[in-house]
Amino acid sequence: MAFSTPYGGRRRAGDPPSASRESVRVSAAYTCNDGSVARDWAEQGMGLVLRSEWDTRDAVAAGRLTRVLSDWAFDSAPVTLLVPIRRGRTARLQALMAFLEQSLGISVPQRQGRRRTP
């Protein structure tokens, strides 16, 4: 069984990518476009929420949230950092970019900005 979110299908941790999948449609009692509000609802016992580990770690450790479906693997959500072109980047912004690359273990592709033609 797999739950579906905007980030695609899910599978049980350890299953091969070719494992069969089923979709389950869930009708939500509440909807929200603010993740912290949804997490607060879950902490108040109002239902389940799919949130990142880094957003829920403290609440789980304090016992305000309980992890369910711990043997299921969910796709990662993309992280996007929008920055000005290279010459407009401050030392502070470059330090943030280096920190994110190192802590997330990724290499950020360097895209060339569009050049204006006279």
N, C-alpha and C. Protein backbone atom coordinates (compact mmCIF):
# COMPACT_ATOMS: atom_id res chain seq x y z
N MET A 1 0.85 -1.16 0.00
CA MET A 1 0.00 0.00 0.00
C MET A 1 0.90 1.22 0.00
N ALA A 2 0.48 2.24 -0.67
CA ALA A 2 1.25 3.47 -0.72
C ALA A 2 0.32 4.65 -0.56
N PHE A 3 0.80 5.67 0.10
CA PHE A 3 0.05 6.91 0.22
C PHE A 3 0.56 7.84 -0.86
N SER A 4 -0.29 8.69 -1.34
CA SER A 4 0.11 9.59 -2.42
C SER A 4 0.08 11.03 -1.93
N THR A 5 1.10 11.77 -2.28
CA THR A 5 1.18 13.19 -1.98
C THR A 5 1.65 13.89 -3.25
N PRO A 6 1.78 15.20 -3.24
CA PRO A 6 2.25 15.89 -4.45
C PRO A 6 3.62 15.43 -4.93
N TYR A 7 4.38 14.71 -4.09
CA TYR A 7 5.74 14.33 -4.46
C TYR A 7 5.82 12.94 -5.08
N GLY A 8 4.68 12.30 -5.36
CA GLY A 8 4.69 11.02 -6.06
C GLY A 8 4.39 9.84 -5.16
N GLY A 9 4.53 8.64 -5.70
CA GLY A 9 4.20 7.41 -4.98
C GLY A 9 5.17 7.11 -3.86
N ARG A 10 4.73 6.31 -2.93
CA ARG A 10 5.55 5.93 -1.79
C ARG A 10 5.65 4.42 -1.75
N ARG A 11 6.65 3.90 -1.07
CA ARG A 11 6.76 2.46 -0.93
C ARG A 11 7.31 2.13 0.44
N ARG A 12 7.12 0.89 0.82
CA ARG A 12 7.61 0.42 2.11
C ARG A 12 9.14 0.44 2.08
N ALA A 13 9.76 0.88 3.17
CA ALA A 13 11.22 0.92 3.23
C ALA A 13 11.77 -0.48 2.95
N GLY A 14 12.77 -0.58 2.11
CA GLY A 14 13.38 -1.86 1.78
C GLY A 14 12.78 -2.51 0.55
N ASP A 15 11.60 -2.08 0.11
CA ASP A 15 11.01 -2.63 -1.10
C ASP A 15 11.80 -2.16 -2.31
N PRO A 16 11.94 -3.00 -3.31
CA PRO A 16 12.61 -2.54 -4.53
C PRO A 16 11.73 -1.51 -5.24
N PRO A 17 12.34 -0.63 -6.03
CA PRO A 17 11.56 0.39 -6.74
C PRO A 17 10.46 -0.20 -7.61
N SER A 18 10.61 -1.47 -8.03
CA SER A 18 9.61 -2.08 -8.90
C SER A 18 8.46 -2.71 -8.11
N ALA A 19 8.45 -2.59 -6.78
CA ALA A 19 7.40 -3.18 -5.96
C ALA A 19 6.04 -2.63 -6.36
N SER A 20 5.03 -3.49 -6.30
CA SER A 20 3.70 -3.04 -6.69
C SER A 20 3.20 -1.98 -5.72
N ARG A 21 2.38 -1.10 -6.22
CA ARG A 21 1.88 0.01 -5.42
C ARG A 21 0.37 0.06 -5.52
N GLU A 22 -0.25 0.48 -4.46
CA GLU A 22 -1.68 0.74 -4.45
C GLU A 22 -1.86 2.15 -3.95
N SER A 23 -2.87 2.81 -4.44
CA SER A 23 -3.17 4.16 -3.99
C SER A 23 -4.37 4.12 -3.07
N VAL A 24 -4.32 4.93 -2.05
CA VAL A 24 -5.43 5.06 -1.11
C VAL A 24 -5.83 6.52 -1.09
N ARG A 25 -7.08 6.79 -1.43
CA ARG A 25 -7.55 8.18 -1.41
C ARG A 25 -8.06 8.47 0.00
N VAL A 26 -7.59 9.55 0.56
CA VAL A 26 -7.96 9.95 1.91
C VAL A 26 -8.70 11.28 1.82
N SER A 27 -9.85 11.36 2.44
CA SER A 27 -10.59 12.63 2.51
C SER A 27 -10.21 13.33 3.80
N ALA A 28 -9.63 14.48 3.66
CA ALA A 28 -9.15 15.22 4.83
C ALA A 28 -10.30 15.97 5.51
N ALA A 29 -10.30 15.93 6.83
CA ALA A 29 -11.27 16.70 7.61
C ALA A 29 -10.85 18.17 7.64
N TYR A 30 -9.54 18.41 7.60
CA TYR A 30 -9.00 19.76 7.62
C TYR A 30 -7.96 19.87 6.51
N THR A 31 -7.84 21.02 5.92
CA THR A 31 -6.76 21.28 4.97
C THR A 31 -6.09 22.59 5.34
N CYS A 32 -4.82 22.67 5.01
CA CYS A 32 -4.05 23.85 5.40
C CYS A 32 -2.84 23.96 4.48
N ASN A 33 -2.43 25.18 4.17
CA ASN A 33 -1.23 25.37 3.37
C ASN A 33 -0.07 25.90 4.22
N ASP A 34 -0.19 25.78 5.53
CA ASP A 34 0.86 26.19 6.46
C ASP A 34 1.26 24.97 7.28
N GLY A 35 2.45 24.44 7.00
CA GLY A 35 2.90 23.22 7.66
C GLY A 35 2.98 23.30 9.16
N SER A 36 3.34 24.46 9.70
CA SER A 36 3.43 24.56 11.17
C SER A 36 2.05 24.49 11.80
N VAL A 37 1.04 25.01 11.13
CA VAL A 37 -0.33 24.91 11.64
C VAL A 37 -0.78 23.45 11.61
N ALA A 38 -0.49 22.74 10.51
CA ALA A 38 -0.86 21.33 10.40
C ALA A 38 -0.16 20.51 11.48
N ARG A 39 1.12 20.80 11.73
CA ARG A 39 1.85 20.10 12.79
C ARG A 39 1.23 20.38 14.15
N ASP A 40 0.84 21.63 14.39
CA ASP A 40 0.18 21.97 15.66
C ASP A 40 -1.12 21.19 15.81
N TRP A 41 -1.89 21.05 14.72
CA TRP A 41 -3.13 20.27 14.78
C TRP A 41 -2.82 18.83 15.18
N ALA A 42 -1.77 18.25 14.59
CA ALA A 42 -1.39 16.88 14.93
C ALA A 42 -0.97 16.79 16.40
N GLU A 43 -0.24 17.78 16.89
CA GLU A 43 0.17 17.78 18.29
C GLU A 43 -1.03 17.88 19.23
N GLN A 44 -2.12 18.46 18.75
CA GLN A 44 -3.35 18.57 19.55
C GLN A 44 -4.23 17.34 19.39
N GLY A 45 -3.76 16.33 18.65
CA GLY A 45 -4.51 15.10 18.48
C GLY A 45 -5.61 15.17 17.44
N MET A 46 -5.51 16.11 16.51
CA MET A 46 -6.57 16.29 15.52
C MET A 46 -6.38 15.44 14.27
N GLY A 47 -5.34 14.63 14.21
CA GLY A 47 -5.15 13.76 13.05
C GLY A 47 -3.68 13.52 12.75
N LEU A 48 -3.44 12.96 11.58
CA LEU A 48 -2.09 12.64 11.12
C LEU A 48 -1.58 13.73 10.20
N VAL A 49 -0.27 13.87 10.17
CA VAL A 49 0.34 14.86 9.30
C VAL A 49 1.63 14.26 8.73
N LEU A 50 1.91 14.53 7.48
CA LEU A 50 3.16 14.11 6.85
C LEU A 50 4.06 15.33 6.82
N ARG A 51 5.05 15.33 7.70
CA ARG A 51 5.98 16.45 7.81
C ARG A 51 7.40 15.91 7.80
N SER A 52 8.35 16.76 7.53
CA SER A 52 9.75 16.34 7.50
C SER A 52 10.24 16.01 8.90
N GLU A 53 11.25 15.16 8.93
CA GLU A 53 11.85 14.77 10.22
C GLU A 53 12.42 15.99 10.94
N TRP A 54 13.04 16.89 10.20
CA TRP A 54 13.64 18.06 10.84
C TRP A 54 12.60 18.99 11.43
N ASP A 55 11.36 18.95 10.92
CA ASP A 55 10.29 19.78 11.46
C ASP A 55 9.64 19.14 12.68
N THR A 56 9.70 17.82 12.79
CA THR A 56 8.98 17.12 13.86
C THR A 56 9.90 16.52 14.92
N ARG A 57 11.20 16.55 14.71
CA ARG A 57 12.15 15.89 15.61
C ARG A 57 11.94 16.28 17.07
N ASP A 58 11.84 17.56 17.36
CA ASP A 58 11.69 18.01 18.76
C ASP A 58 10.37 17.54 19.36
N ALA A 59 9.28 17.61 18.58
CA ALA A 59 7.97 17.20 19.07
C ALA A 59 7.93 15.70 19.33
N VAL A 60 8.59 14.91 18.49
CA VAL A 60 8.65 13.46 18.71
C VAL A 60 9.47 13.17 19.96
N ALA A 61 10.62 13.83 20.10
CA ALA A 61 11.47 13.61 21.27
C ALA A 61 10.77 13.99 22.57
N ALA A 62 9.93 15.03 22.52
CA ALA A 62 9.22 15.49 23.72
C ALA A 62 7.94 14.71 23.97
N GLY A 63 7.58 13.81 23.04
CA GLY A 63 6.37 13.01 23.22
C GLY A 63 5.09 13.70 22.78
N ARG A 64 5.21 14.86 22.13
CA ARG A 64 4.02 15.55 21.64
C ARG A 64 3.48 14.92 20.36
N LEU A 65 4.37 14.25 19.61
CA LEU A 65 3.99 13.52 18.41
C LEU A 65 4.54 12.11 18.50
N THR A 66 3.85 11.17 17.88
CA THR A 66 4.29 9.79 17.80
C THR A 66 4.41 9.42 16.34
N ARG A 67 5.55 8.87 15.98
CA ARG A 67 5.74 8.48 14.58
C ARG A 67 4.93 7.23 14.30
N VAL A 68 4.18 7.27 13.22
CA VAL A 68 3.42 6.11 12.76
C VAL A 68 3.95 5.73 11.38
N LEU A 69 3.70 4.51 10.95
CA LEU A 69 4.18 4.00 9.66
C LEU A 69 5.71 4.16 9.54
N SER A 70 6.42 3.82 10.62
CA SER A 70 7.86 4.03 10.64
C SER A 70 8.60 3.14 9.66
N ASP A 71 7.97 2.08 9.18
CA ASP A 71 8.64 1.23 8.20
C ASP A 71 8.31 1.62 6.76
N TRP A 72 7.71 2.78 6.58
CA TRP A 72 7.40 3.28 5.24
C TRP A 72 8.39 4.37 4.88
N ALA A 73 8.78 4.40 3.62
CA ALA A 73 9.70 5.43 3.13
C ALA A 73 8.92 6.40 2.25
N PHE A 74 9.09 7.66 2.49
CA PHE A 74 8.43 8.70 1.71
C PHE A 74 9.48 9.47 0.94
N ASP A 75 9.12 9.91 -0.24
CA ASP A 75 10.06 10.68 -1.05
C ASP A 75 10.41 11.98 -0.36
N SER A 76 11.60 12.45 -0.66
CA SER A 76 12.03 13.74 -0.13
C SER A 76 11.40 14.87 -0.94
N ALA A 77 11.10 15.94 -0.26
CA ALA A 77 10.61 17.13 -0.95
C ALA A 77 11.82 17.93 -1.42
N PRO A 78 11.71 18.59 -2.55
CA PRO A 78 12.85 19.37 -3.03
C PRO A 78 13.09 20.61 -2.17
N VAL A 79 14.34 20.99 -2.08
CA VAL A 79 14.72 22.22 -1.39
C VAL A 79 15.29 23.16 -2.45
N THR A 80 14.76 24.35 -2.53
CA THR A 80 15.20 25.30 -3.54
C THR A 80 15.66 26.58 -2.86
N LEU A 81 16.83 27.04 -3.22
CA LEU A 81 17.36 28.29 -2.71
C LEU A 81 17.51 29.23 -3.89
N LEU A 82 16.77 30.31 -3.89
CA LEU A 82 16.85 31.29 -4.97
C LEU A 82 17.81 32.39 -4.55
N VAL A 83 18.80 32.62 -5.38
CA VAL A 83 19.84 33.60 -5.05
C VAL A 83 20.08 34.51 -6.24
N PRO A 84 20.62 35.68 -6.00
CA PRO A 84 20.94 36.58 -7.12
C PRO A 84 22.12 36.02 -7.92
N ILE A 85 22.34 36.63 -9.07
CA ILE A 85 23.47 36.20 -9.90
C ILE A 85 24.76 36.29 -9.11
N ARG A 86 25.78 35.63 -9.60
CA ARG A 86 27.03 35.47 -8.85
C ARG A 86 27.58 36.78 -8.28
N ARG A 87 27.59 37.84 -9.05
CA ARG A 87 28.21 39.08 -8.54
C ARG A 87 27.36 39.78 -7.48
N GLY A 88 26.09 39.37 -7.31
CA GLY A 88 25.25 39.98 -6.30
C GLY A 88 25.19 39.21 -5.00
N ARG A 89 26.01 38.15 -4.87
CA ARG A 89 25.99 37.31 -3.68
C ARG A 89 26.94 37.85 -2.61
N THR A 90 26.42 38.02 -1.43
CA THR A 90 27.24 38.49 -0.32
C THR A 90 28.03 37.32 0.26
N ALA A 91 29.02 37.64 1.08
CA ALA A 91 29.81 36.60 1.75
C ALA A 91 28.91 35.76 2.65
N ARG A 92 27.95 36.40 3.29
CA ARG A 92 27.02 35.68 4.17
C ARG A 92 26.20 34.67 3.37
N LEU A 93 25.71 35.08 2.20
CA LEU A 93 24.92 34.17 1.36
C LEU A 93 25.79 33.03 0.85
N GLN A 94 27.01 33.32 0.45
CA GLN A 94 27.91 32.26 -0.02
C GLN A 94 28.23 31.28 1.10
N ALA A 95 28.36 31.77 2.33
CA ALA A 95 28.60 30.89 3.47
C ALA A 95 27.39 30.00 3.72
N LEU A 96 26.18 30.55 3.59
CA LEU A 96 24.96 29.76 3.74
C LEU A 96 24.91 28.66 2.68
N MET A 97 25.22 29.01 1.44
CA MET A 97 25.20 28.03 0.36
C MET A 97 26.21 26.91 0.63
N ALA A 98 27.39 27.25 1.08
CA ALA A 98 28.41 26.24 1.38
C ALA A 98 27.96 25.35 2.53
N PHE A 99 27.35 25.96 3.55
CA PHE A 99 26.85 25.18 4.69
C PHE A 99 25.78 24.19 4.25
N LEU A 100 24.83 24.64 3.43
CA LEU A 100 23.76 23.76 2.96
C LEU A 100 24.32 22.63 2.11
N GLU A 101 25.24 22.95 1.22
CA GLU A 101 25.85 21.90 0.40
C GLU A 101 26.53 20.85 1.27
N GLN A 102 27.27 21.31 2.28
CA GLN A 102 28.00 20.37 3.15
C GLN A 102 27.05 19.58 4.04
N SER A 103 26.09 20.24 4.67
CA SER A 103 25.22 19.55 5.62
C SER A 103 24.22 18.64 4.92
N LEU A 104 23.81 18.98 3.69
CA LEU A 104 22.87 18.13 2.95
C LEU A 104 23.60 17.11 2.09
N GLY A 105 24.92 17.25 1.98
CA GLY A 105 25.71 16.30 1.20
C GLY A 105 25.42 16.35 -0.29
N ILE A 106 25.22 17.56 -0.80
CA ILE A 106 24.91 17.70 -2.22
C ILE A 106 25.87 18.69 -2.86
N SER A 107 25.93 18.63 -4.15
CA SER A 107 26.70 19.61 -4.91
C SER A 107 25.71 20.42 -5.72
N VAL A 108 25.69 21.71 -5.49
CA VAL A 108 24.75 22.58 -6.18
C VAL A 108 25.29 22.91 -7.56
N PRO A 109 24.50 22.61 -8.60
CA PRO A 109 24.97 22.96 -9.94
C PRO A 109 25.05 24.47 -10.10
N GLN A 110 26.05 24.91 -10.76
CA GLN A 110 26.22 26.35 -11.00
C GLN A 110 25.63 26.67 -12.36
N ARG A 111 24.51 27.35 -12.35
CA ARG A 111 23.87 27.73 -13.61
C ARG A 111 24.32 29.13 -13.99
N GLN A 112 24.53 29.28 -15.23
CA GLN A 112 24.86 30.61 -15.73
C GLN A 112 23.59 31.40 -15.93
N GLY A 113 23.56 32.62 -15.46
CA GLY A 113 22.40 33.46 -15.67
C GLY A 113 22.28 33.86 -17.12
N ARG A 114 21.11 34.30 -17.49
CA ARG A 114 20.91 34.76 -18.87
C ARG A 114 21.63 36.08 -19.06
N ARG A 115 22.25 36.18 -20.16
CA ARG A 115 22.93 37.44 -20.47
C ARG A 115 22.01 38.31 -21.30
N ARG A 116 21.97 39.55 -20.95
CA ARG A 116 21.15 40.48 -21.71
C ARG A 116 21.88 40.90 -22.97
N THR A 117 21.16 40.95 -24.03
CA THR A 117 21.77 41.42 -25.27
C THR A 117 21.40 42.88 -25.47
N PRO A 118 22.36 43.66 -25.91
CA PRO A 118 22.09 45.10 -26.07
C PRO A 118 21.12 45.38 -27.18
